[in-house]
Structure formats: C-alpha cells, structure tokens
C-alpha cells in the first residue's frame, strides 16, 4: 500500500499540534469557567453577607434594587419560616417547600450545590441569618437564589475565549501545514519528473532551489548525473 511522504511526516506532526492545541484550549476553557463560577459565588456571598449585616430593614424596594444589580433573587423568611419579602413569585407549594427546607436544615449551612426548582426556573440557593434591626427584635433568614441559566452564562463567557483561540490556532496550523506539504510534494514531484526524463534519454537540468536543504542536494546530484 502506497503511503506518500506527506502522510508519513506532515500528518503525524499536524495531529500532535492539533492535539496539543485541543488539550490547551479545553483545559483553559474549563479553568476559566470554574474560576468564573467561583468568583461569581464569592461575589454573591459577599453581597448576601452585606445585606445580612446591613442593620436596616430589607424592604421590597431594597431587595428589588439589589436583584437588579446582582441578577439574583432574594427571599426573606421570619424566624417561624413565613415569607416576609421576596423578589420572585412563589406559589404556596414553593413557599411551603422553602419553609420545610429552612426548618429541616436548622442552623446548618446549605450544601454549596443545592438547586431549587421553582416555577420561575432553577436556582442555586444560599442562606444567611439577618441581624435584627430595630424595631424588629427577632432574627430573619435571607435566601439568595441565583438562576442557573445566569450561572451557566457566566461560565460560557469565560470558556468561549480559550476555545475560540484554540480554533484559530488549529486553523493556522492546518493552513501552514497544508502550504508546507504542497511545497514539499511539488519539489519531490519535480525531481521525480527530472529522473524520469533522464531515464528516457532527455538529459535535462533544473535550477537549484533557493532553500539549502536535502532536496537541493538531490537536485544538484541529478543535474550532475544528467
């Protein structure tokens, strides 16, 4: 089975280059998405901590403005699990689900990957205790609900640039490899035609290539033989 030099030399090199670019791009995209998620989680926790320690009542107007700035939704529960304020519409069943979650978890922190399925969508939930502010004497509970679609959008925005850069590098590698392969095979074909002409009795000489390499040496040898 005939295997051209292009397949024997250039294609393996191209495969190695493309594999390296793919690994680097995927790793960069994964790390970028993970870093973006962690940074977004830290920002939300700082925001929730600021609201919890604010020392002033979290009215509906305040929560709506914070929701517009952060992209998250907020739910304030009383000490007995009743919803006081919310920036997202909750049905009676969803309110009961949130109340049951609050009572079952007690003072323990929520799992970091906890997901709530509500009518408005799927949310990642974080809970903090709000410091009591006069005239209120009993502490409340603040739930921060961050939509998963926003979470995924942040991750995609961080992952796309490395992937785009990897695709661009792969396209450049394929283009350069194709150009080099054509130049290489063209010179080999010219030498093959010259050798066939000499074998047929036509003693022709060809100009030496400008690049000083093994093919130039082979061309000079064929010219001397001619």
Protein backbone atom coordinates (compact mmCIF):
# COMPACT_ATOMS: atom_id res chain seq x y z
CA UNK A 1 0.00 0.00 0.00
CA UNK A 2 1.41 3.31 -1.09
CA UNK A 3 1.97 5.86 1.67
CA UNK A 4 3.02 9.29 0.43
CA UNK A 5 5.69 11.20 2.35
CA UNK A 6 3.09 13.83 3.16
CA UNK A 7 1.11 11.27 5.14
CA UNK A 8 4.19 9.80 6.79
CA UNK A 9 5.74 13.05 8.01
CA UNK A 10 3.39 16.01 7.95
CA UNK A 11 0.14 14.41 9.04
CA UNK A 12 1.56 12.97 12.32
CA UNK A 13 3.07 16.38 13.08
CA UNK A 14 -0.29 18.03 12.41
CA UNK A 15 -2.06 15.55 14.66
CA UNK A 16 0.36 16.27 17.50
CA UNK A 17 -0.06 20.04 17.08
CA UNK A 18 -3.85 19.83 16.93
CA UNK A 19 -3.95 17.53 19.96
CA UNK A 20 -1.81 19.98 21.93
CA UNK A 21 -3.99 22.91 20.89
CA UNK A 22 -7.16 21.00 21.76
CA UNK A 23 -5.90 19.99 25.21
CA UNK A 24 -4.71 23.51 25.97
CA UNK A 25 -7.97 25.07 24.78
CA UNK A 26 -10.23 22.68 26.67
CA UNK A 27 -8.13 23.00 29.83
CA UNK A 28 -8.16 26.79 29.55
CA UNK A 29 -11.92 26.83 28.98
CA UNK A 30 -12.56 24.53 31.93
CA UNK A 31 -10.32 26.52 34.26
CA UNK A 32 -11.82 29.81 33.08
CA UNK A 33 -15.37 28.57 33.62
CA UNK A 34 -14.50 27.20 37.05
CA UNK A 35 -12.79 30.43 38.07
CA UNK A 36 -15.76 32.48 36.83
CA UNK A 37 -18.19 30.32 38.80
CA UNK A 38 -16.12 30.59 41.97
CA UNK A 39 -15.75 34.34 41.55
CA UNK A 40 -19.48 34.75 40.97
CA UNK A 41 -20.20 32.62 44.05
CA UNK A 42 -17.85 34.72 46.16
CA UNK A 43 -19.46 37.93 44.91
CA UNK A 44 -22.92 36.65 45.80
CA UNK A 45 -21.76 35.54 49.23
CA UNK A 46 -20.23 38.95 49.89
CA UNK A 47 -23.42 40.61 48.69
CA UNK A 48 -25.56 38.38 50.88
CA UNK A 49 -23.26 38.98 53.84
CA UNK A 50 -23.53 42.74 53.33
CA UNK A 51 -27.32 42.55 53.27
CA UNK A 52 -27.40 40.27 56.31
CA UNK A 53 -25.21 42.66 58.34
CA UNK A 54 -26.71 45.85 56.98
CA UNK A 55 -28.60 46.64 60.18
CA UNK A 56 -31.58 48.14 58.33
CA UNK A 57 -34.85 46.52 57.26
CA UNK A 58 -34.70 44.70 53.94
CA UNK A 59 -37.75 46.20 52.32
CA UNK A 60 -39.14 45.12 48.97
CA UNK A 61 -37.66 48.22 47.32
CA UNK A 62 -34.17 47.46 48.65
CA UNK A 63 -34.34 43.81 47.57
CA UNK A 64 -35.64 44.72 44.11
CA UNK A 65 -32.74 47.12 43.56
CA UNK A 66 -30.20 44.54 44.75
CA UNK A 67 -31.79 41.94 42.48
CA UNK A 68 -31.43 44.28 39.52
CA UNK A 69 -27.76 44.88 40.32
CA UNK A 70 -26.76 41.27 41.02
CA UNK A 71 -29.09 39.23 38.81
CA UNK A 72 -30.08 37.16 41.86
CA UNK A 73 -33.41 36.90 43.65
CA UNK A 74 -33.92 37.27 47.38
CA UNK A 75 -36.39 35.78 49.83
CA UNK A 76 -36.65 36.90 53.47
CA UNK A 77 -38.19 34.48 55.96
CA UNK A 78 -39.25 35.13 59.52
CA UNK A 79 -37.98 33.01 62.41
CA UNK A 80 -41.03 30.72 62.04
CA UNK A 81 -40.50 30.24 58.28
CA UNK A 82 -43.06 32.70 56.96
CA UNK A 83 -42.10 34.66 53.83
CA UNK A 84 -41.70 38.36 54.62
CA UNK A 85 -40.27 39.72 51.37
CA UNK A 86 -39.43 38.12 48.02
CA UNK A 87 -38.25 39.33 44.61
CA UNK A 88 -39.53 36.18 42.90
CA UNK A 89 -43.12 34.97 42.73
CA UNK A 90 -43.56 31.82 44.80
CA UNK A 91 -46.60 29.60 44.81
CA UNK A 92 -47.99 28.26 48.08
CA UNK A 93 -46.35 24.91 47.40
CA UNK A 94 -42.97 26.53 46.69
CA UNK A 95 -43.25 28.68 49.80
CA UNK A 96 -44.01 25.54 51.83
CA UNK A 97 -41.00 23.81 50.20
CA UNK A 98 -38.70 26.68 51.15
CA UNK A 99 -40.11 26.72 54.68
CA UNK A 100 -39.59 22.96 55.02
CA UNK A 101 -36.01 23.30 53.74
CA UNK A 102 -35.33 26.03 56.28
CA UNK A 103 -36.76 24.01 59.16
CA UNK A 104 -35.05 20.74 58.15
CA UNK A 105 -31.59 22.28 57.76
CA UNK A 106 -31.80 24.20 61.02
CA UNK A 107 -28.68 26.27 61.64
CA UNK A 108 -26.54 24.14 59.33
CA UNK A 109 -25.31 25.82 56.11
CA UNK A 110 -26.90 24.73 52.87
CA UNK A 111 -24.93 22.44 50.53
CA UNK A 112 -22.95 24.55 48.03
CA UNK A 113 -24.53 22.73 45.07
CA UNK A 114 -28.12 22.88 46.34
CA UNK A 115 -30.56 23.51 43.48
CA UNK A 116 -34.17 24.59 43.88
CA UNK A 117 -36.69 24.02 41.09
CA UNK A 118 -39.26 26.80 41.09
CA UNK A 119 -41.85 27.94 38.59
CA UNK A 120 -39.56 30.79 37.53
CA UNK A 121 -36.67 28.38 36.88
CA UNK A 122 -33.86 26.51 38.62
CA UNK A 123 -31.85 28.34 41.27
CA UNK A 124 -28.71 27.84 43.31
CA UNK A 125 -29.54 28.72 46.91
CA UNK A 126 -27.53 30.35 49.71
CA UNK A 127 -28.89 31.15 53.16
CA UNK A 128 -27.76 33.64 55.80
CA UNK A 129 -29.18 34.91 59.08
CA UNK A 130 -30.11 38.59 59.07
CA UNK A 131 -29.08 40.60 62.11
CA UNK A 132 -32.08 42.05 63.89
CA UNK A 133 -32.58 45.78 63.42
CA UNK A 134 -34.90 48.00 65.50
CA UNK A 135 -37.82 47.87 65.87
CA UNK A 136 -37.53 44.17 64.97
CA UNK A 137 -36.10 42.01 67.73
CA UNK A 138 -36.15 38.56 66.12
CA UNK A 139 -33.62 37.49 63.53
CA UNK A 140 -34.73 36.65 59.99
CA UNK A 141 -33.33 34.37 57.31
CA UNK A 142 -32.18 35.62 53.90
CA UNK A 143 -32.20 33.25 50.94
CA UNK A 144 -30.16 34.26 47.90
CA UNK A 145 -31.43 32.49 44.77
CA UNK A 146 -29.16 32.70 41.75
CA UNK A 147 -30.63 31.44 38.44
CA UNK A 148 -28.70 28.54 36.99
CA UNK A 149 -29.06 29.98 33.48
CA UNK A 150 -27.17 33.10 34.62
CA UNK A 151 -24.62 30.86 36.33
CA UNK A 152 -24.10 28.90 33.12
CA UNK A 153 -23.95 32.10 31.06
CA UNK A 154 -21.08 33.39 33.20
CA UNK A 155 -19.25 30.10 32.76
CA UNK A 156 -19.77 30.14 28.98
CA UNK A 157 -18.47 33.68 28.70
CA UNK A 158 -15.29 32.62 30.47
CA UNK A 159 -14.94 29.40 28.46
CA UNK A 160 -15.53 30.80 24.96
CA UNK A 161 -12.32 32.89 24.53
CA UNK A 162 -9.90 29.94 25.09
CA UNK A 163 -11.95 27.78 22.73
CA UNK A 164 -12.01 30.49 20.06
CA UNK A 165 -8.25 30.98 20.44
CA UNK A 166 -7.76 27.22 20.14
CA UNK A 167 -9.85 27.04 16.98
CA UNK A 168 -7.90 29.95 15.48
CA UNK A 169 -4.59 28.26 16.35
CA UNK A 170 -5.84 24.99 14.85
CA UNK A 171 -6.90 26.75 11.64
CA UNK A 172 -3.49 28.44 11.38
CA UNK A 173 -1.72 25.11 11.99
CA UNK A 174 -3.78 23.35 9.32
CA UNK A 175 -3.20 26.16 6.81
CA UNK A 176 0.57 26.29 7.36
CA UNK A 177 0.84 22.50 7.26
CA UNK A 178 -1.11 22.38 4.00
CA UNK A 179 1.09 25.06 2.41
CA UNK A 180 4.31 23.37 3.54
CA UNK A 181 3.04 19.99 2.38
CA UNK A 182 2.24 21.32 -1.09
CA UNK A 183 5.65 22.98 -1.41
CA UNK A 184 7.39 19.79 -0.28
CA UNK A 185 5.43 17.44 -2.54
CA UNK A 186 5.78 19.82 -5.51
CA UNK A 187 9.58 19.76 -5.24
CA UNK A 188 9.60 15.97 -4.89
CA UNK A 189 7.36 15.63 -7.95
CA UNK A 190 9.69 17.87 -9.98
CA UNK A 191 12.66 15.70 -9.03
CA UNK A 192 10.69 12.59 -9.96
CA UNK A 193 9.88 14.08 -13.37
CA UNK A 194 13.53 15.01 -13.91
CA UNK A 195 14.65 11.46 -13.05
CA UNK A 196 12.03 10.02 -15.44
CA UNK A 197 13.25 12.38 -18.18
CA UNK A 198 16.87 11.28 -17.66
CA UNK A 199 15.76 7.65 -17.77
CA UNK A 200 14.01 8.39 -21.08
CA UNK A 201 17.17 9.83 -22.63
CA UNK A 202 16.43 13.51 -22.12
CA UNK A 203 19.35 14.80 -20.08
CA UNK A 204 17.84 17.94 -18.64
CA UNK A 205 18.98 20.07 -15.75
CA UNK A 206 16.71 22.01 -13.40
CA UNK A 207 17.51 25.19 -11.46
CA UNK A 208 18.67 24.63 -7.92
CA UNK A 209 16.10 25.56 -5.24
CA UNK A 210 16.88 28.62 -3.16
CA UNK A 211 16.49 26.70 0.10
CA UNK A 212 19.68 24.88 1.02
CA UNK A 213 18.40 21.51 2.15
CA UNK A 214 18.48 17.82 1.23
CA UNK A 215 16.22 18.36 -1.78
CA UNK A 216 18.69 20.93 -3.13
CA UNK A 217 21.46 18.33 -2.75
CA UNK A 218 19.34 15.77 -4.59
CA UNK A 219 18.62 18.27 -7.39
CA UNK A 220 22.36 19.00 -7.76
CA UNK A 221 23.10 15.25 -7.89
CA UNK A 222 20.52 14.72 -10.64
CA UNK A 223 21.96 17.65 -12.59
CA UNK A 224 25.46 16.15 -12.35
CA UNK A 225 24.12 12.77 -13.46
CA UNK A 226 22.33 14.44 -16.40
